[in-house]
Amino acid sequence: MEQYAQHVPGFLDKAEFDRDYIAREQVEQRLQLLDSITEQLSDTKVLLDHDNYHNAISFYRNIRFLSEENVPGTNVVYEDMKQFFIIPQQPQSPPPPPSNSDNPQG
């Protein structure tokens, strides 16, 4: 607006505009900083989740082994934990398509 001050309408408060513009830049800088902090925290959480998951799996496998070895007190822990470590069944693969020798029209 400074370059074309002659075209600024009289009802526009230029000083208010300038204050708003500066405030907007300050807010944008803070938002960028917050975005950066949020991304860093999210990345840290992912790493912690990974570590916790693998440690939990290790603990579960050890409890399962001890339970199979009939170590006293481990069966109850194993039974409580196994609901969280269910391995999904692999889907059955579809049968192969018929070969041309099986097709009388082929």
C-alpha atoms as a PDB file:
ATOM      1  CA  MET A   1       0.000   0.000   0.000  1.00  0.00           C
ATOM      2  CA  GLU A   2       2.924   2.308   0.624  1.00  0.00           C
ATOM      3  CA  GLN A   3       3.784   2.251  -3.081  1.00  0.00           C
ATOM      4  CA  TYR A   4       0.282   3.390  -4.042  1.00  0.00           C
ATOM      5  CA  ALA A   5      -0.762   5.519  -1.070  1.00  0.00           C
ATOM      6  CA  GLN A   6      -2.844   7.721  -3.361  1.00  0.00           C
ATOM      7  CA  HIS A   7      -5.137   4.774  -4.078  1.00  0.00           C
ATOM      8  CA  VAL A   8      -5.802   3.772  -0.451  1.00  0.00           C
ATOM      9  CA  PRO A   9      -9.451   4.572   0.319  1.00  0.00           C
ATOM     10  CA  GLY A  10     -10.012   7.105   3.071  1.00  0.00           C
ATOM     11  CA  PHE A  11     -12.140   4.726   5.137  1.00  0.00           C
ATOM     12  CA  LEU A  12      -9.242   2.233   5.424  1.00  0.00           C
ATOM     13  CA  ASP A  13      -7.203   2.635   8.603  1.00  0.00           C
ATOM     14  CA  LYS A  14      -3.649   2.083   7.324  1.00  0.00           C
ATOM     15  CA  ALA A  15      -2.138   2.052  10.823  1.00  0.00           C
ATOM     16  CA  GLU A  16      -4.584  -0.696  11.871  1.00  0.00           C
ATOM     17  CA  PHE A  17      -3.773  -2.617   8.690  1.00  0.00           C
ATOM     18  CA  ASP A  18      -0.041  -2.435   9.467  1.00  0.00           C
ATOM     19  CA  ARG A  19      -0.581  -3.643  13.051  1.00  0.00           C
ATOM     20  CA  ASP A  20      -2.732  -6.524  11.824  1.00  0.00           C
ATOM     21  CA  TYR A  21      -0.149  -7.464   9.211  1.00  0.00           C
ATOM     22  CA  ILE A  22       2.674  -7.526  11.766  1.00  0.00           C
ATOM     23  CA  ALA A  23       0.532  -9.528  14.213  1.00  0.00           C
ATOM     24  CA  ARG A  24      -0.349 -11.981  11.446  1.00  0.00           C
ATOM     25  CA  GLU A  25       3.353 -12.544  10.673  1.00  0.00           C
ATOM     26  CA  GLN A  26       4.076 -13.125  14.357  1.00  0.00           C
ATOM     27  CA  VAL A  27       1.231 -15.614  14.640  1.00  0.00           C
ATOM     28  CA  GLU A  28       2.418 -17.410  11.495  1.00  0.00           C
ATOM     29  CA  GLN A  29       5.945 -17.738  12.921  1.00  0.00           C
ATOM     30  CA  ARG A  30       4.553 -19.200  16.128  1.00  0.00           C
ATOM     31  CA  LEU A  31       2.354 -21.620  14.193  1.00  0.00           C
ATOM     32  CA  GLN A  32       5.357 -22.815  12.209  1.00  0.00           C
ATOM     33  CA  LEU A  33       7.265 -23.349  15.449  1.00  0.00           C
ATOM     34  CA  LEU A  34       4.314 -25.236  16.933  1.00  0.00           C
ATOM     35  CA  ASP A  35       4.074 -27.376  13.784  1.00  0.00           C
ATOM     36  CA  SER A  36       7.742 -28.235  14.138  1.00  0.00           C
ATOM     37  CA  ILE A  37       7.343 -29.108  17.822  1.00  0.00           C
ATOM     38  CA  THR A  38       4.224 -31.169  17.061  1.00  0.00           C
ATOM     39  CA  GLU A  39       6.064 -33.121  14.362  1.00  0.00           C
ATOM     40  CA  GLN A  40       9.023 -33.764  16.683  1.00  0.00           C
ATOM     41  CA  LEU A  41       6.720 -34.964  19.464  1.00  0.00           C
ATOM     42  CA  SER A  42       4.804 -37.181  17.038  1.00  0.00           C
ATOM     43  CA  ASP A  43       8.043 -38.708  15.733  1.00  0.00           C
ATOM     44  CA  THR A  44       9.234 -39.318  19.286  1.00  0.00           C
ATOM     45  CA  LYS A  45       5.928 -40.994  20.133  1.00  0.00           C
ATOM     46  CA  VAL A  46       6.263 -43.301  17.119  1.00  0.00           C
ATOM     47  CA  LEU A  47       9.731 -44.347  18.270  1.00  0.00           C
ATOM     48  CA  LEU A  48       8.509 -44.916  21.820  1.00  0.00           C
ATOM     49  CA  ASP A  49       5.537 -46.923  20.535  1.00  0.00           C
ATOM     50  CA  HIS A  50       7.939 -49.063  18.511  1.00  0.00           C
ATOM     51  CA  ASP A  51      10.192 -49.693  21.504  1.00  0.00           C
ATOM     52  CA  ASN A  52       7.261 -50.438  23.812  1.00  0.00           C
ATOM     53  CA  TYR A  53       5.682 -52.815  21.309  1.00  0.00           C
ATOM     54  CA  HIS A  54       8.858 -54.815  20.811  1.00  0.00           C
ATOM     55  CA  ASN A  55       9.546 -54.963  24.550  1.00  0.00           C
ATOM     56  CA  ALA A  56       5.974 -56.102  25.187  1.00  0.00           C
ATOM     57  CA  ILE A  57       6.353 -58.822  22.530  1.00  0.00           C
ATOM     58  CA  SER A  58       9.602 -59.976  24.147  1.00  0.00           C
ATOM     59  CA  PHE A  59       7.957 -60.096  27.565  1.00  0.00           C
ATOM     60  CA  TYR A  60       4.967 -61.977  26.169  1.00  0.00           C
ATOM     61  CA  ARG A  61       7.156 -64.521  24.400  1.00  0.00           C
ATOM     62  CA  ASN A  62       9.124 -65.081  27.595  1.00  0.00           C
ATOM     63  CA  ILE A  63       5.915 -65.551  29.610  1.00  0.00           C
ATOM     64  CA  ARG A  64       4.605 -67.954  26.960  1.00  0.00           C
ATOM     65  CA  PHE A  65       7.849 -69.960  27.113  1.00  0.00           C
ATOM     66  CA  LEU A  66       7.807 -70.024  30.934  1.00  0.00           C
ATOM     67  CA  SER A  67       4.154 -71.085  30.887  1.00  0.00           C
ATOM     68  CA  GLU A  68       4.960 -73.925  28.473  1.00  0.00           C
ATOM     69  CA  GLU A  69       7.730 -74.965  30.888  1.00  0.00           C
ATOM     70  CA  ASN A  70       5.143 -74.968  33.702  1.00  0.00           C
ATOM     71  CA  VAL A  71       6.902 -72.301  35.751  1.00  0.00           C
ATOM     72  CA  PRO A  72       4.558 -71.594  38.681  1.00  0.00           C
ATOM     73  CA  GLY A  73       2.444 -68.453  38.325  1.00  0.00           C
ATOM     74  CA  THR A  74       3.119 -67.889  34.630  1.00  0.00           C
ATOM     75  CA  ASN A  75       0.010 -69.627  33.258  1.00  0.00           C
ATOM     76  CA  VAL A  76      -2.295 -66.958  34.669  1.00  0.00           C
ATOM     77  CA  VAL A  77      -0.140 -64.159  33.251  1.00  0.00           C
ATOM     78  CA  TYR A  78       0.060 -65.899  29.881  1.00  0.00           C
ATOM     79  CA  GLU A  79      -3.710 -66.428  29.726  1.00  0.00           C
ATOM     80  CA  ASP A  80      -4.292 -62.751  30.553  1.00  0.00           C
ATOM     81  CA  MET A  81      -1.804 -61.551  27.948  1.00  0.00           C
ATOM     82  CA  LYS A  82      -2.507 -63.824  24.994  1.00  0.00           C
ATOM     83  CA  GLN A  83      -5.684 -61.937  24.070  1.00  0.00           C
ATOM     84  CA  PHE A  84      -3.469 -58.969  23.109  1.00  0.00           C
ATOM     85  CA  PHE A  85      -1.160 -60.988  20.876  1.00  0.00           C
ATOM     86  CA  ILE A  86      -3.524 -62.895  18.614  1.00  0.00           C
ATOM     87  CA  ILE A  87      -1.928 -63.783  15.297  1.00  0.00           C
ATOM     88  CA  PRO A  88      -4.486 -63.394  12.514  1.00  0.00           C
ATOM     89  CA  GLN A  89      -5.055 -66.395  10.314  1.00  0.00           C
ATOM     90  CA  GLN A  90      -3.594 -66.157   6.833  1.00  0.00           C
ATOM     91  CA  PRO A  91      -6.377 -66.036   4.241  1.00  0.00           C
ATOM     92  CA  GLN A  92      -6.715 -69.127   2.135  1.00  0.00           C
ATOM     93  CA  SER A  93      -5.292 -68.565  -1.316  1.00  0.00           C
ATOM     94  CA  PRO A  94      -7.834 -68.981  -4.106  1.00  0.00           C
ATOM     95  CA  PRO A  95      -7.582 -72.113  -6.201  1.00  0.00           C
ATOM     96  CA  PRO A  96      -5.506 -71.710  -9.358  1.00  0.00           C
ATOM     97  CA  PRO A  97      -7.434 -71.034 -12.561  1.00  0.00           C
ATOM     98  CA  PRO A  98      -8.144 -74.111 -14.655  1.00  0.00           C
ATOM     99  CA  SER A  99      -5.497 -74.902 -17.237  1.00  0.00           C
ATOM    100  CA  ASN A 100      -6.355 -75.123 -20.946  1.00  0.00           C
ATOM    101  CA  SER A 101      -6.124 -78.918 -20.798  1.00  0.00           C
ATOM    102  CA  ASP A 102      -9.003 -78.882 -18.313  1.00  0.00           C
ATOM    103  CA  ASN A 103     -11.110 -76.734 -20.624  1.00  0.00           C
ATOM    104  CA  PRO A 104     -12.770 -78.770 -23.425  1.00  0.00           C
ATOM    105  CA  GLN A 105     -13.224 -75.634 -25.526  1.00  0.00           C
ATOM    106  CA  GLY A 106      -9.564 -74.553 -25.271  1.00  0.00           C
END
